[in-house]
Amino acid sequence: MKRRDFSLVCSALAGAAFIQSPALAQVKPPVAGTDYLLVEKRAAVEAPAGKIEVVEFFWYSCPHCNVFEPTFDAWRKRAPKDLAVRRVPVAFQDDFVPQQRLFYALEAMGLVDKLHSKVFAAIHVEKQNLSRGDAIADWVAKQGVDKAKFLEQYNSFSVSTKVARGTQLQNAYKVEGVPSLGVAGRFYTDGTLAKSLDRALTVVEFLAAQIRSGH
C-alpha cells in the first residue's frame, strides 16, 4: 500500500492478485533502477558481521501486508542462513505509532511468532479496530497475555527507542509503500518495482547473491 493511498479501503482479493503473477516470472536478472533502487545514503543495519540484513517494512492495517505475510513468513523460515531477516513496522503518520508499539512490545515479550499473524487476522478477518493503545491492550489480554506486563513494555523507553529507530530506517530507505523490502542498507524493492511481491523476494535473493560475490 502506497503512502499516498494507505487510507483507502483496499480489497484483500486485489492484494492477492497483486502478489500472484506467474506471467511475470523472472526471465532476466533484476535491473537497478527498474526492479530495485540503490539507497543513496546507506541505511543503518543491525545484522552482525557476516550476515546480510533483509528488512520487511509493513503496517498491520495494510491489506497487501496481510496477504503477503504468509508468503513472507514461509520465505523467512527457509532463507539462507547468512540472511538476517527482520520486520520493521512503518509510521507514515502519527496514528500508525500504536501499531508500531504493538509489534515492538510483542517482540520484547517473545510473542511475535505466537501473535503476529493473529494481529493481521483480528484486523482484516475479524474487522477489529486495533488503532488505539487501549483497544490493542484489551485484545492482547484476550490472547492470554498479562495486560499489565504488556502495557509496561508498550509504554517503555526501549519500545519508544525502537519506534524512533524504525521510523528513521523507514525514512533512510525512503519507503513509499508497504509491504517493501530493504537489503543490507543498500537496496530497496517492492511489489511495484519488481512487478509482484513474489518476484520482490526473488530480487532480494539476487541482491544477496551479489553481496556475497563482493559487489
C-alpha atoms as a PDB file:
ATOM      1  CA  MET A   1       0.000   0.000   0.000  1.00  0.00           C
ATOM      2  CA  LYS A   2       1.436   3.325  -1.054  1.00  0.00           C
ATOM      3  CA  ARG A   3       1.974   6.195   1.335  1.00  0.00           C
ATOM      4  CA  ARG A   4      -0.408   8.317  -0.700  1.00  0.00           C
ATOM      5  CA  ASP A   5      -3.310   5.892  -0.615  1.00  0.00           C
ATOM      6  CA  PHE A   6      -2.892   3.981   2.650  1.00  0.00           C
ATOM      7  CA  SER A   7      -6.193   5.406   3.945  1.00  0.00           C
ATOM      8  CA  LEU A   8      -8.233   3.927   1.100  1.00  0.00           C
ATOM      9  CA  VAL A   9     -10.208   0.745   1.656  1.00  0.00           C
ATOM     10  CA  CYS A  10      -8.457  -1.921  -0.453  1.00  0.00           C
ATOM     11  CA  SER A  11      -9.665  -5.390  -1.295  1.00  0.00           C
ATOM     12  CA  ALA A  12      -7.674  -8.296   0.086  1.00  0.00           C
ATOM     13  CA  LEU A  13      -8.574 -10.145  -3.081  1.00  0.00           C
ATOM     14  CA  ALA A  14      -6.938  -7.418  -5.131  1.00  0.00           C
ATOM     15  CA  GLY A  15      -3.896  -7.750  -2.901  1.00  0.00           C
ATOM     16  CA  ALA A  16      -3.747 -11.462  -3.608  1.00  0.00           C
ATOM     17  CA  ALA A  17      -3.918 -10.835  -7.329  1.00  0.00           C
ATOM     18  CA  PHE A  18      -1.091  -8.344  -6.990  1.00  0.00           C
ATOM     19  CA  ILE A  19       1.118 -10.935  -5.337  1.00  0.00           C
ATOM     20  CA  GLN A  20       0.390 -13.883  -7.577  1.00  0.00           C
ATOM     21  CA  SER A  21       1.795 -13.033 -11.023  1.00  0.00           C
ATOM     22  CA  PRO A  22       3.056 -16.217 -12.712  1.00  0.00           C
ATOM     23  CA  ALA A  23       3.061 -14.496 -16.092  1.00  0.00           C
ATOM     24  CA  LEU A  24       5.690 -12.111 -14.779  1.00  0.00           C
ATOM     25  CA  ALA A  25       8.129 -14.835 -13.828  1.00  0.00           C
ATOM     26  CA  GLN A  26      11.700 -13.654 -13.866  1.00  0.00           C
ATOM     27  CA  VAL A  27      13.383 -14.226 -17.229  1.00  0.00           C
ATOM     28  CA  LYS A  28      16.398 -11.952 -16.815  1.00  0.00           C
ATOM     29  CA  PRO A  29      18.481 -10.634 -13.912  1.00  0.00           C
ATOM     30  CA  PRO A  30      16.919  -7.760 -11.971  1.00  0.00           C
ATOM     31  CA  VAL A  31      17.975  -4.313 -13.129  1.00  0.00           C
ATOM     32  CA  ALA A  32      18.938  -1.416 -10.861  1.00  0.00           C
ATOM     33  CA  GLY A  33      16.525   1.477 -11.210  1.00  0.00           C
ATOM     34  CA  THR A  34      13.842  -0.810 -12.623  1.00  0.00           C
ATOM     35  CA  ASP A  35      13.446  -3.827 -10.335  1.00  0.00           C
ATOM     36  CA  TYR A  36      15.161  -2.295  -7.323  1.00  0.00           C
ATOM     37  CA  LEU A  37      16.618   1.020  -6.201  1.00  0.00           C
ATOM     38  CA  LEU A  38      20.016   1.899  -4.793  1.00  0.00           C
ATOM     39  CA  VAL A  39      19.833   3.646  -1.422  1.00  0.00           C
ATOM     40  CA  GLU A  40      21.598   6.988  -1.868  1.00  0.00           C
ATOM     41  CA  LYS A  41      22.997   7.111   1.662  1.00  0.00           C
ATOM     42  CA  ARG A  42      23.434   3.692   3.239  1.00  0.00           C
ATOM     43  CA  ALA A  43      20.873   2.906   5.898  1.00  0.00           C
ATOM     44  CA  ALA A  44      21.864   1.570   9.301  1.00  0.00           C
ATOM     45  CA  VAL A  45      21.914  -2.197   9.758  1.00  0.00           C
ATOM     46  CA  GLU A  46      21.650  -4.299  12.903  1.00  0.00           C
ATOM     47  CA  ALA A  47      22.851  -7.585  11.426  1.00  0.00           C
ATOM     48  CA  PRO A  48      26.076  -8.998  12.894  1.00  0.00           C
ATOM     49  CA  ALA A  49      29.240  -9.245  10.806  1.00  0.00           C
ATOM     50  CA  GLY A  50      28.995 -11.872   8.101  1.00  0.00           C
ATOM     51  CA  LYS A  51      25.216 -11.565   7.844  1.00  0.00           C
ATOM     52  CA  ILE A  52      23.183  -9.811   5.146  1.00  0.00           C
ATOM     53  CA  GLU A  53      20.273  -7.884   6.609  1.00  0.00           C
ATOM     54  CA  VAL A  54      16.863  -8.071   4.962  1.00  0.00           C
ATOM     55  CA  VAL A  55      14.118  -5.820   6.331  1.00  0.00           C
ATOM     56  CA  GLU A  56      10.418  -6.177   5.625  1.00  0.00           C
ATOM     57  CA  PHE A  57       8.593  -2.879   6.108  1.00  0.00           C
ATOM     58  CA  PHE A  58       4.926  -3.421   6.949  1.00  0.00           C
ATOM     59  CA  TRP A  59       1.798  -1.970   8.545  1.00  0.00           C
ATOM     60  CA  TYR A  60      -0.706  -4.179  10.334  1.00  0.00           C
ATOM     61  CA  SER A  61      -3.699  -2.376   8.812  1.00  0.00           C
ATOM     62  CA  CYS A  62      -2.412  -2.689   5.234  1.00  0.00           C
ATOM     63  CA  PRO A  63      -4.400  -5.333   3.270  1.00  0.00           C
ATOM     64  CA  HIS A  64      -1.451  -6.080   0.985  1.00  0.00           C
ATOM     65  CA  CYS A  65       0.755  -6.731   4.031  1.00  0.00           C
ATOM     66  CA  ASN A  66      -1.904  -9.063   5.372  1.00  0.00           C
ATOM     67  CA  VAL A  67      -1.962 -11.092   2.153  1.00  0.00           C
ATOM     68  CA  PHE A  68       1.844 -11.078   1.845  1.00  0.00           C
ATOM     69  CA  GLU A  69       2.509 -12.187   5.434  1.00  0.00           C
ATOM     70  CA  PRO A  70       2.161 -15.990   4.931  1.00  0.00           C
ATOM     71  CA  THR A  71       4.389 -15.835   1.843  1.00  0.00           C
ATOM     72  CA  PHE A  72       6.995 -13.703   3.581  1.00  0.00           C
ATOM     73  CA  ASP A  73       6.953 -15.813   6.740  1.00  0.00           C
ATOM     74  CA  ALA A  74       7.460 -19.034   4.761  1.00  0.00           C
ATOM     75  CA  TRP A  75      10.316 -17.411   2.823  1.00  0.00           C
ATOM     76  CA  ARG A  76      11.870 -16.094   6.039  1.00  0.00           C
ATOM     77  CA  LYS A  77      11.930 -19.570   7.544  1.00  0.00           C
ATOM     78  CA  ARG A  78      13.693 -21.113   4.549  1.00  0.00           C
ATOM     79  CA  ALA A  79      16.013 -18.172   3.788  1.00  0.00           C
ATOM     80  CA  PRO A  80      19.768 -18.869   3.600  1.00  0.00           C
ATOM     81  CA  LYS A  81      21.485 -18.884   6.986  1.00  0.00           C
ATOM     82  CA  ASP A  82      23.564 -15.827   6.149  1.00  0.00           C
ATOM     83  CA  LEU A  83      20.448 -13.649   5.840  1.00  0.00           C
ATOM     84  CA  ALA A  84      19.389 -11.779   8.974  1.00  0.00           C
ATOM     85  CA  VAL A  85      15.693 -11.178   8.318  1.00  0.00           C
ATOM     86  CA  ARG A  86      13.663  -8.809  10.441  1.00  0.00           C
ATOM     87  CA  ARG A  87      10.408  -6.876  10.314  1.00  0.00           C
ATOM     88  CA  VAL A  88      10.022  -3.126  10.809  1.00  0.00           C
ATOM     89  CA  PRO A  89       6.566  -1.543  11.236  1.00  0.00           C
ATOM     90  CA  VAL A  90       6.196   1.790   9.456  1.00  0.00           C
ATOM     91  CA  ALA A  91       4.592   5.053  10.526  1.00  0.00           C
ATOM     92  CA  PHE A  92       3.536   7.254   7.619  1.00  0.00           C
ATOM     93  CA  GLN A  93       1.764   9.441  10.147  1.00  0.00           C
ATOM     94  CA  ASP A  94       1.320   9.656  13.925  1.00  0.00           C
ATOM     95  CA  ASP A  95      -1.728   7.398  14.151  1.00  0.00           C
ATOM     96  CA  PHE A  96       0.379   4.462  12.930  1.00  0.00           C
ATOM     97  CA  VAL A  97       2.509   4.606  16.090  1.00  0.00           C
ATOM     98  CA  PRO A  98       0.228   2.469  18.330  1.00  0.00           C
ATOM     99  CA  GLN A  99       0.687  -0.458  15.948  1.00  0.00           C
ATOM    100  CA  GLN A 100       4.434   0.151  15.850  1.00  0.00           C
ATOM    101  CA  ARG A 101       4.420  -0.065  19.636  1.00  0.00           C
ATOM    102  CA  LEU A 102       2.302  -3.218  19.467  1.00  0.00           C
ATOM    103  CA  PHE A 103       4.872  -5.013  17.316  1.00  0.00           C
ATOM    104  CA  TYR A 104       7.869  -3.958  19.380  1.00  0.00           C
ATOM    105  CA  ALA A 105       6.112  -4.845  22.653  1.00  0.00           C
ATOM    106  CA  LEU A 106       5.293  -8.302  21.283  1.00  0.00           C
ATOM    107  CA  GLU A 107       8.911  -8.617  20.153  1.00  0.00           C
ATOM    108  CA  ALA A 108      10.206  -7.652  23.606  1.00  0.00           C
ATOM    109  CA  MET A 109       7.947 -10.298  25.178  1.00  0.00           C
ATOM    110  CA  GLY A 110       8.932 -13.022  22.719  1.00  0.00           C
ATOM    111  CA  LEU A 111       5.390 -13.182  21.347  1.00  0.00           C
ATOM    112  CA  VAL A 112       5.845 -12.300  17.678  1.00  0.00           C
ATOM    113  CA  ASP A 113       5.762 -15.904  16.482  1.00  0.00           C
ATOM    114  CA  LYS A 114       2.605 -16.533  18.512  1.00  0.00           C
ATOM    115  CA  LEU A 115       0.624 -13.357  17.838  1.00  0.00           C
ATOM    116  CA  HIS A 116       1.949 -11.543  14.744  1.00  0.00           C
ATOM    117  CA  SER A 117      -0.331 -13.353  12.285  1.00  0.00           C
ATOM    118  CA  LYS A 118      -3.212 -13.145  14.761  1.00  0.00           C
ATOM    119  CA  VAL A 119      -2.971  -9.345  14.726  1.00  0.00           C
ATOM    120  CA  PHE A 120      -3.451  -9.379  10.964  1.00  0.00           C
ATOM    121  CA  ALA A 121      -6.402 -11.780  11.318  1.00  0.00           C
ATOM    122  CA  ALA A 122      -8.014  -9.642  14.001  1.00  0.00           C
ATOM    123  CA  ILE A 123      -7.862  -6.557  11.793  1.00  0.00           C
ATOM    124  CA  HIS A 124      -8.579  -8.000   8.350  1.00  0.00           C
ATOM    125  CA  VAL A 125     -10.759 -11.039   9.075  1.00  0.00           C
ATOM    126  CA  GLU A 126     -12.468 -10.199  12.358  1.00  0.00           C
ATOM    127  CA  LYS A 127     -12.628  -6.465  11.453  1.00  0.00           C
ATOM    128  CA  GLN A 128     -11.433  -5.313  14.856  1.00  0.00           C
ATOM    129  CA  ASN A 129     -10.189  -1.762  15.265  1.00  0.00           C
ATOM    130  CA  LEU A 130      -6.679  -2.024  16.703  1.00  0.00           C
ATOM    131  CA  SER A 131      -5.621   1.547  16.067  1.00  0.00           C
ATOM    132  CA  ARG A 132      -5.528   2.763  19.678  1.00  0.00           C
ATOM    133  CA  GLY A 133      -3.457   1.685  22.638  1.00  0.00           C
ATOM    134  CA  ASP A 134      -6.433   0.792  24.856  1.00  0.00           C
ATOM    135  CA  ALA A 135      -8.031  -1.410  22.192  1.00  0.00           C
ATOM    136  CA  ILE A 136      -4.679  -3.056  21.500  1.00  0.00           C
ATOM    137  CA  ALA A 137      -4.098  -3.811  25.190  1.00  0.00           C
ATOM    138  CA  ASP A 138      -7.597  -5.275  25.559  1.00  0.00           C
ATOM    139  CA  TRP A 139      -7.078  -7.501  22.508  1.00  0.00           C
ATOM    140  CA  VAL A 140      -3.675  -8.709  23.704  1.00  0.00           C
ATOM    141  CA  ALA A 141      -5.172  -9.568  27.105  1.00  0.00           C
ATOM    142  CA  LYS A 142      -7.809 -11.697  25.352  1.00  0.00           C
ATOM    143  CA  GLN A 143      -4.934 -13.704  23.827  1.00  0.00           C
ATOM    144  CA  GLY A 144      -3.903 -14.790  27.320  1.00  0.00           C
ATOM    145  CA  VAL A 145      -1.148 -12.212  27.802  1.00  0.00           C
ATOM    146  CA  ASP A 146      -0.765 -10.405  31.119  1.00  0.00           C
ATOM    147  CA  LYS A 147      -2.185  -6.958  30.335  1.00  0.00           C
ATOM    148  CA  ALA A 148      -0.086  -5.101  32.905  1.00  0.00           C
ATOM    149  CA  LYS A 149       3.148  -6.662  31.647  1.00  0.00           C
ATOM    150  CA  PHE A 150       2.193  -5.880  28.055  1.00  0.00           C
ATOM    151  CA  LEU A 151       1.437  -2.240  28.880  1.00  0.00           C
ATOM    152  CA  GLU A 152       4.724  -1.983  30.742  1.00  0.00           C
ATOM    153  CA  GLN A 153       6.527  -2.956  27.533  1.00  0.00           C
ATOM    154  CA  TYR A 154       4.185  -0.979  25.270  1.00  0.00           C
ATOM    155  CA  ASN A 155       4.911   2.237  27.175  1.00  0.00           C
ATOM    156  CA  SER A 156       8.579   1.502  27.877  1.00  0.00           C
ATOM    157  CA  PHE A 157      11.556   3.617  26.896  1.00  0.00           C
ATOM    158  CA  SER A 158      13.051   0.692  24.964  1.00  0.00           C
ATOM    159  CA  VAL A 159       9.950   0.369  22.796  1.00  0.00           C
ATOM    160  CA  SER A 160       9.913   4.151  22.265  1.00  0.00           C
ATOM    161  CA  THR A 161      13.540   3.911  21.143  1.00  0.00           C
ATOM    162  CA  LYS A 162      12.730   1.101  18.702  1.00  0.00           C
ATOM    163  CA  VAL A 163       9.807   3.089  17.306  1.00  0.00           C
ATOM    164  CA  ALA A 164      12.111   6.043  16.672  1.00  0.00           C
ATOM    165  CA  ARG A 165      14.774   3.853  15.064  1.00  0.00           C
ATOM    166  CA  GLY A 166      12.182   2.092  12.926  1.00  0.00           C
ATOM    167  CA  THR A 167      10.860   5.387  11.606  1.00  0.00           C
ATOM    168  CA  GLN A 168      14.427   6.575  10.949  1.00  0.00           C
ATOM    169  CA  LEU A 169      15.135   3.390   8.995  1.00  0.00           C
ATOM    170  CA  GLN A 170      11.924   3.774   7.015  1.00  0.00           C
ATOM    171  CA  ASN A 171      12.984   7.285   6.073  1.00  0.00           C
ATOM    172  CA  ALA A 172      16.557   6.219   5.263  1.00  0.00           C
ATOM    173  CA  TYR A 173      15.227   3.681   2.766  1.00  0.00           C
ATOM    174  CA  LYS A 174      12.684   6.276   1.535  1.00  0.00           C
ATOM    175  CA  VAL A 175       9.850   3.815   1.950  1.00  0.00           C
ATOM    176  CA  GLU A 176       6.837   4.972  -0.042  1.00  0.00           C
ATOM    177  CA  GLY A 177       4.626   1.944   0.362  1.00  0.00           C
ATOM    178  CA  VAL A 178       4.220  -1.370   2.143  1.00  0.00           C
ATOM    179  CA  PRO A 179       4.998  -4.180   2.079  1.00  0.00           C
ATOM    180  CA  SER A 180       8.502  -3.413   0.869  1.00  0.00           C
ATOM    181  CA  LEU A 181      11.984  -4.803   1.391  1.00  0.00           C
ATOM    182  CA  GLY A 182      15.370  -3.338   2.227  1.00  0.00           C
ATOM    183  CA  VAL A 183      18.633  -5.225   1.737  1.00  0.00           C
ATOM    184  CA  ALA A 184      21.896  -4.557   3.593  1.00  0.00           C
ATOM    185  CA  GLY A 185      21.145  -0.850   3.935  1.00  0.00           C
ATOM    186  CA  ARG A 186      21.957  -0.569   0.212  1.00  0.00           C
ATOM    187  CA  PHE A 187      18.981  -1.708  -1.846  1.00  0.00           C
ATOM    188  CA  TYR A 188      15.203  -1.278  -1.835  1.00  0.00           C
ATOM    189  CA  THR A 189      12.445  -3.116  -3.693  1.00  0.00           C
ATOM    190  CA  ASP A 190       8.712  -3.705  -3.518  1.00  0.00           C
ATOM    191  CA  GLY A 191       5.887  -5.259  -5.499  1.00  0.00           C
ATOM    192  CA  THR A 192       5.575  -2.293  -7.831  1.00  0.00           C
ATOM    193  CA  LEU A 193       9.254  -2.211  -8.785  1.00  0.00           C
ATOM    194  CA  ALA A 194       9.613  -5.996  -9.050  1.00  0.00           C
ATOM    195  CA  LYS A 195       6.185  -6.376 -10.744  1.00  0.00           C
ATOM    196  CA  SER A 196       4.922  -8.675  -7.973  1.00  0.00           C
ATOM    197  CA  LEU A 197       5.675  -9.348  -4.339  1.00  0.00           C
ATOM    198  CA  ASP A 198       6.716 -12.913  -5.088  1.00  0.00           C
ATOM    199  CA  ARG A 199       9.290 -11.569  -7.534  1.00  0.00           C
ATOM    200  CA  ALA A 200      10.385  -8.955  -4.992  1.00  0.00           C
ATOM    201  CA  LEU A 201      11.638 -11.853  -2.869  1.00  0.00           C
ATOM    202  CA  THR A 202      13.487 -13.203  -5.909  1.00  0.00           C
ATOM    203  CA  VAL A 203      15.071  -9.772  -6.328  1.00  0.00           C
ATOM    204  CA  VAL A 204      16.149  -9.877  -2.680  1.00  0.00           C
ATOM    205  CA  GLU A 205      17.803 -13.261  -3.244  1.00  0.00           C
ATOM    206  CA  PHE A 206      19.567 -11.868  -6.323  1.00  0.00           C
ATOM    207  CA  LEU A 207      20.861  -8.864  -4.354  1.00  0.00           C
ATOM    208  CA  ALA A 208      22.058 -11.103  -1.523  1.00  0.00           C
ATOM    209  CA  ALA A 209      23.984 -13.194  -4.067  1.00  0.00           C
ATOM    210  CA  GLN A 210      25.551 -10.025  -5.461  1.00  0.00           C
ATOM    211  CA  ILE A 211      26.663  -9.001  -1.981  1.00  0.00           C
ATOM    212  CA  ARG A 212      28.144 -12.446  -1.314  1.00  0.00           C
ATOM    213  CA  SER A 213      30.165 -12.176  -4.513  1.00  0.00           C
ATOM    214  CA  GLY A 214      31.618  -8.866  -3.405  1.00  0.00           C
ATOM    215  CA  HIS A 215      29.514  -6.475  -5.467  1.00  0.00           C
END
